Amino acid sequence: MQKAYRITGGKPIVGEITCYGAKNFATKAMVAACLGTTETVLTNVPPIGDVDITVGLLQSVGAKVEWLDSKTLRIDPTSINTHKVTTPDSRSNRIPILMLPVLLQRFGKAEIPRLDGCDLGTRALDFHEAAVESFGGLVEVDREHMAASIKKKLKGTQFRLDYPSVGATETCLFLAVLARGTSVISNAAIEPEIVGLITMLRAMGAVIFLSPNREIRVEGVESLTGTTMECLGDRIEAASWASLACATSGDITLHGILPDTLNNFLAYYRKVGGGFELVGPQSIRFFRAGTLSPIMLETDVYPGFSTDWQQPFAVLLTQAEGISVIHETVYDSRLGYTAALNRMGAKIQLSTECIGQPCRFLHKGHAHSALIMGATPLHALPEPLEVPDLRGGLAYVIAAAMAEGTSTLTHIERIERGYGDIAKRLENMSFDIARL
């Protein structure tokens, strides 16, 4: 039976919530643990769908994965016994691509299923392929699989990313740490989750230097050991609940999040009319400070405004008095969720033009800019809303909380991949939400 959320909206959301550990760190750290020769313990691991999928992924190659408690994982990679990832569920996220360098390091060959994940437009897997080849590997791709092999030990290289992709940077790190010689990764991603992963790899014995100009230098070592690592709080989740507070004229206190990781989000939040107060080292109170003002924002790689903050923030902008602009420069097809918001009463117009600085999608026909005319009241729809993807789904949750009436959201497993069962998690808030 298809699971769904039933949400009755139209009132301020007030309460407290503790952010989970970051999905975009925890799942990558689980893979990194497989580079070690001894077991690794990860704490503050989020109990979410993508972690469950990654557990199955690691077990499919023979790793032993054990929950020590509800948020602590022990991973023993010594039992890994195959170079093939076979679990079918692993197609539903982007983690299998990171097993390619791990299995190459262990067996000299690797095979993974072709990837699906959220439909956000083109995701350049050629970055990963080019990285493997630069380190001395050979890559073969067909309709169902991606395979790689090496004749000798991976060798250090100089590799420049055309775009500072997070996933491709992680692939390069996993290739470089055990490669022979020194590697230099230029134009690398520097998100907090990447820095956390570098810290973990250093604790495992890697020698990694991070320069301020997006350059990472890695001196390969013979082997890595396991370690103990705490997952940092999820800055994407934190921004989602902050947007919920402001959009509904509510008041939400978040725990378990370092303010520094929210970076430019806090500046845009202030600019649009949101307020926040630091109430502890890892606690922030979010609320609406007054009338909301229209703004122009452009998504970008860190330290810019994260593409994963964009969808919840767009719902908030439907309540700003005037015309706001969103220019999406990271993924070429990430604004499709706005059609449902328009059916709920929003006035959002998409454009294939770069409304702002020209980006890499210029003249390519992708609807990657949005004009949001506000303020517009939202209303629930009589028909169920199908959640399109992880972040778009959370945008629907916020829209349903704002809307008069009762909304039904289906395919909620796409939300729970990153946020868990939010109906249970939001029990300490004045949020009328039930999981059906």
Protein backbone atom coordinates (compact mmCIF):
# COMPACT_ATOMS: atom_id res chain seq x y z
CA MET A 1 0.00 0.00 0.00
CA GLN A 2 1.32 3.42 -1.00
CA LYS A 3 2.33 5.48 2.06
CA ALA A 4 1.25 9.13 2.23
CA TYR A 5 1.23 12.22 4.44
CA ARG A 6 -1.99 14.02 5.29
CA ILE A 7 -1.33 17.64 6.20
CA THR A 8 -3.85 20.22 7.38
CA GLY A 9 -2.36 23.67 7.04
CA GLY A 10 -3.07 27.34 7.53
CA LYS A 11 -1.58 27.99 10.96
CA PRO A 12 1.89 28.96 12.30
CA ILE A 13 4.24 26.07 12.99
CA VAL A 14 5.80 26.35 16.45
CA GLY A 15 8.09 23.97 18.31
CA GLU A 16 11.52 22.34 18.47
CA ILE A 17 13.33 19.70 16.43
CA THR A 18 16.80 18.14 16.45
CA CYS A 19 18.47 17.95 13.05
CA TYR A 20 19.73 14.58 11.95
CA GLY A 21 23.32 13.95 10.96
CA ALA A 22 23.97 15.11 7.41
CA LYS A 23 22.80 12.67 4.75
CA ASN A 24 25.39 14.05 2.34
CA PHE A 25 28.16 13.23 4.80
CA ALA A 26 26.97 10.03 6.48
CA THR A 27 26.46 8.02 3.30
CA LYS A 28 29.86 9.09 1.90
CA ALA A 29 31.58 8.33 5.22
CA MET A 30 30.09 4.84 5.14
CA VAL A 31 31.77 4.25 1.78
CA ALA A 32 35.04 5.82 2.99
CA ALA A 33 35.08 3.31 5.85
CA CYS A 34 35.55 0.58 3.23
CA LEU A 35 38.97 2.01 2.36
CA GLY A 36 40.28 1.01 5.79
CA THR A 37 41.89 -2.23 6.94
CA THR A 38 40.07 -2.19 10.29
CA GLU A 39 36.56 -1.33 11.42
CA THR A 40 35.13 2.19 11.60
CA VAL A 41 32.45 3.52 13.96
CA LEU A 42 30.23 6.39 12.81
CA THR A 43 28.11 8.31 15.32
CA ASN A 44 25.12 10.64 14.81
CA VAL A 45 24.18 8.62 11.72
CA PRO A 46 20.71 9.66 10.48
CA PRO A 47 18.05 6.88 10.44
CA ILE A 48 16.92 7.69 6.89
CA GLY A 49 16.21 5.86 3.66
CA ASP A 50 19.50 6.69 1.95
CA VAL A 51 21.47 5.28 4.88
CA ASP A 52 19.44 2.06 4.70
CA ILE A 53 20.16 1.85 0.97
CA THR A 54 23.87 2.41 1.61
CA VAL A 55 23.90 -0.30 4.29
CA GLY A 56 22.51 -2.71 1.70
CA LEU A 57 25.09 -1.49 -0.81
CA LEU A 58 28.00 -2.23 1.54
CA GLN A 59 26.55 -5.59 2.55
CA SER A 60 26.18 -6.55 -1.13
CA VAL A 61 29.98 -6.55 -1.47
CA GLY A 62 30.52 -8.42 1.81
CA ALA A 63 31.11 -5.65 4.36
CA LYS A 64 29.71 -6.22 7.86
CA VAL A 65 27.49 -3.37 9.00
CA GLU A 66 25.98 -3.29 12.48
CA TRP A 67 23.82 -0.74 14.30
CA LEU A 68 25.24 -0.36 17.82
CA ASP A 69 22.33 1.91 18.75
CA SER A 70 19.79 4.02 16.86
CA LYS A 71 22.44 6.45 15.56
CA THR A 72 25.75 4.52 15.74
CA LEU A 73 27.05 2.30 12.96
CA ARG A 74 30.01 -0.08 13.02
CA ILE A 75 31.43 -0.98 9.60
CA ASP A 76 33.91 -3.82 9.17
CA PRO A 77 35.36 -3.78 5.63
CA THR A 78 37.70 -6.75 6.09
CA SER A 79 35.07 -9.18 4.81
CA ILE A 80 34.51 -7.42 1.46
CA ASN A 81 34.78 -10.24 -1.07
CA THR A 82 33.56 -9.06 -4.47
CA HIS A 83 34.20 -6.27 -6.95
CA LYS A 84 30.54 -6.20 -8.09
CA VAL A 85 27.75 -4.12 -6.55
CA THR A 86 24.58 -6.14 -7.12
CA THR A 87 21.91 -4.73 -4.81
CA PRO A 88 19.10 -3.30 -7.01
CA ASP A 89 18.04 -0.68 -4.44
CA SER A 90 21.40 1.06 -4.85
CA ARG A 91 20.20 2.50 -8.18
CA SER A 92 17.90 4.88 -6.31
CA ASN A 93 20.68 7.13 -5.02
CA ARG A 94 24.09 8.28 -6.23
CA ILE A 95 26.30 6.41 -3.77
CA PRO A 96 27.29 3.41 -5.96
CA ILE A 97 29.55 5.62 -8.10
CA LEU A 98 31.73 6.13 -5.02
CA MET A 99 32.15 2.37 -4.65
CA LEU A 100 33.96 2.35 -7.99
CA PRO A 101 37.24 3.80 -6.62
CA VAL A 102 36.92 1.79 -3.37
CA LEU A 103 36.58 -1.53 -5.19
CA LEU A 104 39.31 -0.55 -7.66
CA GLN A 105 41.66 -0.03 -4.72
CA ARG A 106 40.81 -3.46 -3.28
CA PHE A 107 40.49 -5.67 -6.37
CA GLY A 108 41.91 -3.75 -9.33
CA LYS A 109 38.46 -3.91 -10.91
CA ALA A 110 34.94 -2.75 -10.09
CA GLU A 111 31.41 -2.98 -11.47
CA ILE A 112 28.35 -0.98 -10.37
CA PRO A 113 24.79 -0.60 -11.69
CA ARG A 114 23.93 2.46 -13.76
CA LEU A 115 22.44 5.14 -11.55
CA ASP A 116 19.02 6.75 -11.21
CA GLY A 117 18.48 8.93 -8.11
CA CYS A 118 16.39 12.11 -8.16
CA ASP A 119 15.60 13.44 -11.62
CA LEU A 120 17.28 16.84 -11.44
CA GLY A 121 18.57 17.02 -14.99
CA THR A 122 21.94 16.04 -16.36
CA ARG A 123 24.46 14.79 -13.80
CA ALA A 124 27.87 14.54 -15.42
CA LEU A 125 29.13 11.05 -14.63
CA ASP A 126 31.83 11.74 -17.21
CA PHE A 127 33.61 13.67 -14.42
CA HIS A 128 33.93 10.39 -12.52
CA GLU A 129 34.96 8.44 -15.61
CA ALA A 130 37.61 11.02 -16.53
CA ALA A 131 38.95 10.95 -12.96
CA VAL A 132 39.32 7.15 -12.96
CA GLU A 133 41.12 7.28 -16.30
CA SER A 134 43.41 10.09 -15.14
CA PHE A 135 44.54 7.91 -12.20
CA GLY A 136 45.35 5.06 -14.60
CA GLY A 137 42.07 3.14 -14.81
CA LEU A 138 39.98 2.00 -17.76
CA VAL A 139 36.20 2.58 -17.78
CA GLU A 140 33.50 0.76 -19.73
CA VAL A 141 29.82 1.77 -19.67
CA ASP A 142 26.75 0.02 -21.07
CA ARG A 143 23.00 0.43 -20.54
CA GLU A 144 23.01 -1.47 -17.25
CA HIS A 145 26.48 -1.18 -15.71
CA MET A 146 29.60 0.89 -15.28
CA ALA A 147 32.84 -1.04 -14.93
CA ALA A 148 36.45 -0.01 -14.30
CA SER A 149 39.77 -1.80 -14.13
CA ILE A 150 43.47 -1.10 -13.63
CA LYS A 151 46.53 -3.03 -14.79
CA LYS A 152 48.80 -1.65 -12.07
CA LYS A 153 48.39 0.29 -8.85
CA LEU A 154 46.63 3.63 -9.29
CA LYS A 155 49.10 6.46 -9.79
CA GLY A 156 48.96 10.04 -8.56
CA THR A 157 47.88 12.63 -11.09
CA GLN A 158 46.92 16.24 -11.62
CA PHE A 159 43.22 16.47 -12.32
CA ARG A 160 41.15 19.62 -12.86
CA LEU A 161 37.40 19.46 -12.57
CA ASP A 162 35.55 21.53 -15.19
CA TYR A 163 32.96 22.18 -12.47
CA PRO A 164 33.44 21.78 -8.69
CA SER A 165 31.20 18.72 -8.42
CA VAL A 166 30.84 17.27 -4.92
CA GLY A 167 30.56 13.67 -6.12
CA ALA A 168 33.49 13.93 -8.50
CA THR A 169 35.64 15.51 -5.78
CA GLU A 170 34.82 12.57 -3.50
CA THR A 171 35.72 10.10 -6.26
CA CYS A 172 39.08 11.86 -6.72
CA LEU A 173 39.77 11.72 -2.98
CA PHE A 174 39.01 8.00 -2.80
CA LEU A 175 41.28 7.39 -5.79
CA ALA A 176 44.12 9.60 -4.53
CA VAL A 177 44.50 8.52 -0.89
CA LEU A 178 45.94 5.10 -1.81
CA ALA A 179 47.44 5.98 -5.20
CA ARG A 180 51.19 5.87 -5.73
CA GLY A 181 52.67 9.38 -5.52
CA THR A 182 51.13 12.83 -5.18
CA SER A 183 47.81 13.95 -6.65
CA VAL A 184 46.51 17.49 -7.13
CA ILE A 185 42.76 18.02 -7.54
CA SER A 186 41.98 21.49 -8.88
CA ASN A 187 38.64 23.34 -8.85
CA ALA A 188 37.44 20.93 -6.19
CA ALA A 189 34.24 21.21 -4.16
CA ILE A 190 34.78 22.54 -0.62
CA GLU A 191 31.36 21.99 0.99
CA PRO A 192 31.38 21.33 4.77
CA GLU A 193 30.63 17.67 4.03
CA ILE A 194 33.76 17.47 1.85
CA VAL A 195 35.87 19.05 4.58
CA GLY A 196 34.39 16.58 7.06
CA LEU A 197 35.25 13.69 4.74
CA ILE A 198 38.83 14.97 4.45
CA THR A 199 39.03 15.09 8.26
CA MET A 200 37.83 11.49 8.44
CA LEU A 201 40.33 10.31 5.81
CA ARG A 202 43.14 12.10 7.65
CA ALA A 203 42.10 10.28 10.84
CA MET A 204 42.34 7.03 8.87
CA GLY A 205 45.93 7.86 7.91
CA ALA A 206 45.60 9.85 4.68
CA VAL A 207 47.84 12.85 3.95
CA ILE A 208 45.63 15.58 2.49
CA PHE A 209 46.29 19.33 2.15
CA LEU A 210 43.45 21.76 1.37
CA SER A 211 44.36 25.11 -0.19
CA PRO A 212 42.13 28.22 -0.20
CA ASN A 213 41.93 28.23 -4.04
CA ARG A 214 39.85 25.01 -4.30
CA GLU A 215 42.97 22.89 -4.69
CA ILE A 216 43.42 19.62 -2.81
CA ARG A 217 46.83 17.93 -2.67
CA VAL A 218 46.98 14.28 -1.63
CA GLU A 219 50.13 12.28 -0.90
CA GLY A 220 49.22 8.62 -1.38
CA VAL A 221 49.86 6.18 1.46
CA GLU A 222 50.17 2.40 1.52
CA SER A 223 47.10 1.71 3.65
CA LEU A 224 44.39 3.29 5.80
CA THR A 225 42.96 2.11 9.10
CA GLY A 226 39.48 2.53 10.53
CA THR A 227 38.50 5.41 12.80
CA THR A 228 35.65 6.86 14.85
CA MET A 229 33.84 9.83 13.32
CA GLU A 230 30.79 11.90 14.25
CA CYS A 231 28.49 12.99 11.43
CA LEU A 232 28.01 16.76 11.36
CA GLY A 233 24.47 18.15 11.53
CA ASP A 234 22.49 18.40 8.31
CA ARG A 235 22.60 22.00 7.06
CA ILE A 236 20.12 21.19 4.26
CA GLU A 237 17.55 19.92 6.74
CA ALA A 238 18.18 22.93 8.99
CA ALA A 239 17.44 25.36 6.14
CA SER A 240 14.25 23.43 5.35
CA TRP A 241 12.85 23.81 8.88
CA ALA A 242 13.97 27.46 8.98
CA SER A 243 12.02 28.09 5.76
CA LEU A 244 8.99 26.34 7.30
CA ALA A 245 9.11 28.64 10.34
CA CYS A 246 9.26 31.84 8.30
CA ALA A 247 6.78 30.75 5.62
CA THR A 248 4.07 29.94 8.19
CA SER A 249 4.83 32.90 10.52
CA GLY A 250 5.92 30.28 13.01
CA ASP A 251 8.72 29.92 15.53
CA ILE A 252 10.99 26.85 15.38
CA THR A 253 14.13 26.10 17.41
CA LEU A 254 16.61 23.75 15.77
CA HIS A 255 19.18 21.72 17.69
CA GLY A 256 22.20 19.80 16.46
CA ILE A 257 23.37 22.25 13.79
CA LEU A 258 26.52 24.38 13.61
CA PRO A 259 25.56 27.92 12.51
CA ASP A 260 28.76 28.25 10.48
CA THR A 261 27.62 25.51 8.09
CA LEU A 262 24.56 27.57 7.10
CA ASN A 263 26.80 30.33 5.78
CA ASN A 264 25.00 32.44 3.12
CA PHE A 265 21.61 30.94 3.91
CA LEU A 266 21.42 33.09 7.03
CA ALA A 267 22.18 36.24 5.01
CA TYR A 268 19.41 35.54 2.49
CA TYR A 269 17.06 34.57 5.33
CA ARG A 270 17.62 37.95 6.98
CA LYS A 271 17.28 39.77 3.67
CA VAL A 272 13.90 38.24 2.87
CA GLY A 273 12.56 39.10 6.34
CA GLY A 274 13.31 36.05 8.46
CA GLY A 275 14.77 36.34 11.92
CA PHE A 276 17.05 34.03 13.86
CA GLU A 277 18.63 33.89 17.27
CA LEU A 278 21.58 31.78 18.40
CA VAL A 279 20.40 30.06 21.58
CA GLY A 280 23.29 27.61 22.04
CA PRO A 281 26.49 26.35 20.40
CA GLN A 282 24.42 24.11 18.10
CA SER A 283 20.93 25.58 18.52
CA ILE A 284 19.19 28.29 16.47
CA ARG A 285 15.71 29.78 16.79
CA PHE A 286 14.05 30.78 13.49
CA PHE A 287 10.97 33.00 13.04
CA ARG A 288 9.47 35.68 10.79
CA ALA A 289 10.77 39.13 11.72
CA GLY A 290 8.28 41.20 9.70
CA THR A 291 6.86 41.71 6.22
CA LEU A 292 8.68 39.55 3.69
CA SER A 293 10.60 41.31 0.92
CA PRO A 294 11.32 39.98 -2.58
CA ILE A 295 14.91 39.06 -3.36
CA MET A 296 17.05 37.70 -6.14
CA LEU A 297 19.14 34.65 -5.40
CA GLU A 298 21.42 32.46 -7.42
CA THR A 299 22.32 28.93 -6.42
CA ASP A 300 25.99 28.03 -6.52
CA VAL A 301 28.56 25.67 -5.10
CA TYR A 302 29.73 26.28 -1.54
CA PRO A 303 30.08 28.88 -0.11
CA GLY A 304 27.23 30.06 -2.35
CA PHE A 305 23.51 29.45 -1.81
CA SER A 306 23.09 25.67 -1.96
CA THR A 307 20.90 24.19 -4.68
CA ASP A 308 19.36 21.98 -1.97
CA TRP A 309 18.15 25.10 -0.12
CA GLN A 310 16.41 26.40 -3.21
CA GLN A 311 13.11 24.49 -3.21
CA PRO A 312 12.02 25.15 0.41
CA PHE A 313 13.13 28.78 0.03
CA ALA A 314 11.06 29.18 -3.16
CA VAL A 315 7.91 28.32 -1.20
CA LEU A 316 8.84 30.97 1.34
CA LEU A 317 9.27 33.52 -1.48
CA THR A 318 5.65 33.03 -2.58
CA GLN A 319 4.80 35.06 0.56
CA ALA A 320 7.15 37.97 -0.21
CA GLU A 321 5.54 41.24 -1.33
CA GLY A 322 6.80 41.65 -4.91
CA ILE A 323 8.72 39.74 -7.56
CA SER A 324 11.55 37.43 -6.51
CA VAL A 325 14.02 35.71 -8.82
CA ILE A 326 15.72 32.32 -8.47
CA HIS A 327 18.55 31.49 -10.88
CA GLU A 328 19.46 27.78 -10.61
CA THR A 329 23.04 27.26 -11.83
CA VAL A 330 23.88 23.82 -10.38
CA TYR A 331 21.29 21.47 -11.94
CA ASP A 332 19.63 22.15 -15.27
CA SER A 333 16.18 20.75 -14.39
CA ARG A 334 15.38 21.49 -10.78
CA LEU A 335 12.38 23.81 -11.01
CA GLY A 336 9.73 21.33 -12.20
CA TYR A 337 8.20 21.16 -8.72
CA THR A 338 6.88 24.73 -9.16
CA ALA A 339 4.00 23.55 -11.39
CA ALA A 340 2.27 22.01 -8.36
CA LEU A 341 2.84 25.19 -6.35
CA ASN A 342 1.09 27.16 -9.11
CA ARG A 343 -1.90 24.81 -8.88
CA MET A 344 -1.98 25.62 -5.15
CA GLY A 345 -2.18 29.36 -5.86
CA ALA A 346 1.41 30.48 -6.35
CA LYS A 347 2.38 32.61 -9.35
CA ILE A 348 5.70 31.28 -10.62
CA GLN A 349 6.94 31.67 -14.18
CA LEU A 350 9.92 29.70 -15.47
CA SER A 351 12.43 30.91 -18.03
CA THR A 352 15.21 29.33 -20.07
CA GLU A 353 17.17 32.59 -19.80
CA CYS A 354 19.81 33.34 -17.18
CA ILE A 355 18.09 35.93 -14.99
CA GLY A 356 21.31 37.13 -13.38
CA GLN A 357 24.89 36.35 -14.28
CA PRO A 358 25.27 34.09 -17.35
CA CYS A 359 25.78 30.48 -16.26
CA ARG A 360 26.76 27.24 -17.97
CA PHE A 361 23.11 26.62 -18.97
CA LEU A 362 22.96 29.77 -21.13
CA HIS A 363 21.23 29.18 -24.50
CA LYS A 364 20.80 25.45 -23.80
CA GLY A 365 17.03 25.52 -23.47
CA HIS A 366 16.83 24.50 -19.81
CA ALA A 367 14.13 26.17 -17.70
CA HIS A 368 16.52 27.13 -14.92
CA SER A 369 15.26 30.56 -13.79
CA ALA A 370 12.06 31.37 -11.91
CA LEU A 371 10.10 34.58 -11.38
CA ILE A 372 7.99 34.35 -8.21
CA MET A 373 5.18 36.90 -7.90
CA GLY A 374 3.96 37.39 -4.35
CA ALA A 375 2.42 37.45 -1.96
CA THR A 376 -0.12 34.75 -2.87
CA PRO A 377 -2.22 32.66 -0.47
CA LEU A 378 -1.95 28.92 -1.02
CA HIS A 379 -4.80 26.40 -0.86
CA ALA A 380 -4.89 22.63 -0.62
CA LEU A 381 -5.65 20.63 -3.75
CA PRO A 382 -8.49 18.10 -3.92
CA GLU A 383 -6.24 15.51 -5.58
CA PRO A 384 -3.13 13.93 -4.00
CA LEU A 385 0.25 15.50 -4.77
CA GLU A 386 2.98 13.09 -5.89
CA VAL A 387 6.34 13.95 -4.33
CA PRO A 388 8.76 14.45 -7.25
CA ASP A 389 12.08 14.13 -5.43
CA LEU A 390 13.70 14.60 -2.04
CA ARG A 391 13.99 18.40 -1.82
CA GLY A 392 10.96 19.15 -3.99
CA GLY A 393 9.00 16.89 -1.65
CA LEU A 394 9.99 18.95 1.38
CA ALA A 395 8.88 22.06 -0.54
CA TYR A 396 5.45 20.42 -0.90
CA VAL A 397 5.39 19.76 2.86
CA ILE A 398 6.00 23.46 3.54
CA ALA A 399 3.40 24.49 0.95
CA ALA A 400 0.85 22.13 2.52
CA ALA A 401 1.59 23.58 5.97
CA MET A 402 0.91 27.09 4.61
CA ALA A 403 -2.20 26.17 2.60
CA GLU A 404 -5.78 26.39 3.82
CA GLY A 405 -7.33 22.94 3.84
CA THR A 406 -5.99 19.39 3.91
CA SER A 407 -3.37 18.11 1.46
CA THR A 408 -2.32 14.54 0.72
CA LEU A 409 1.26 13.82 -0.38
CA THR A 410 2.10 10.47 -1.97
CA HIS A 411 5.42 8.73 -2.76
CA ILE A 412 6.71 10.02 0.56
CA GLU A 413 9.58 7.51 0.53
CA ARG A 414 11.34 10.11 -1.64
CA ILE A 415 11.16 12.57 1.28
CA GLU A 416 12.10 9.96 3.86
CA ARG A 417 15.29 9.15 1.95
CA GLY A 418 16.72 12.32 3.49
CA TYR A 419 14.42 13.41 6.32
CA GLY A 420 13.12 10.18 7.82
CA ASP A 421 9.51 9.88 9.01
CA ILE A 422 8.78 13.57 9.42
CA ALA A 423 5.30 12.97 10.84
CA LYS A 424 6.89 11.30 13.86
CA ARG A 425 9.77 13.79 14.01
CA LEU A 426 7.43 16.79 14.04
CA GLU A 427 5.35 15.55 16.98
CA ASN A 428 6.82 18.33 19.16
CA MET A 429 5.48 21.01 16.82
CA SER A 430 2.05 22.48 16.21
CA PHE A 431 2.00 20.69 12.86
CA ASP A 432 -1.11 18.74 11.85
CA ILE A 433 0.59 15.95 9.89
CA ALA A 434 -0.12 12.22 9.85
CA ARG A 435 1.53 9.33 8.04
CA LEU A 436 -1.11 7.18 6.35
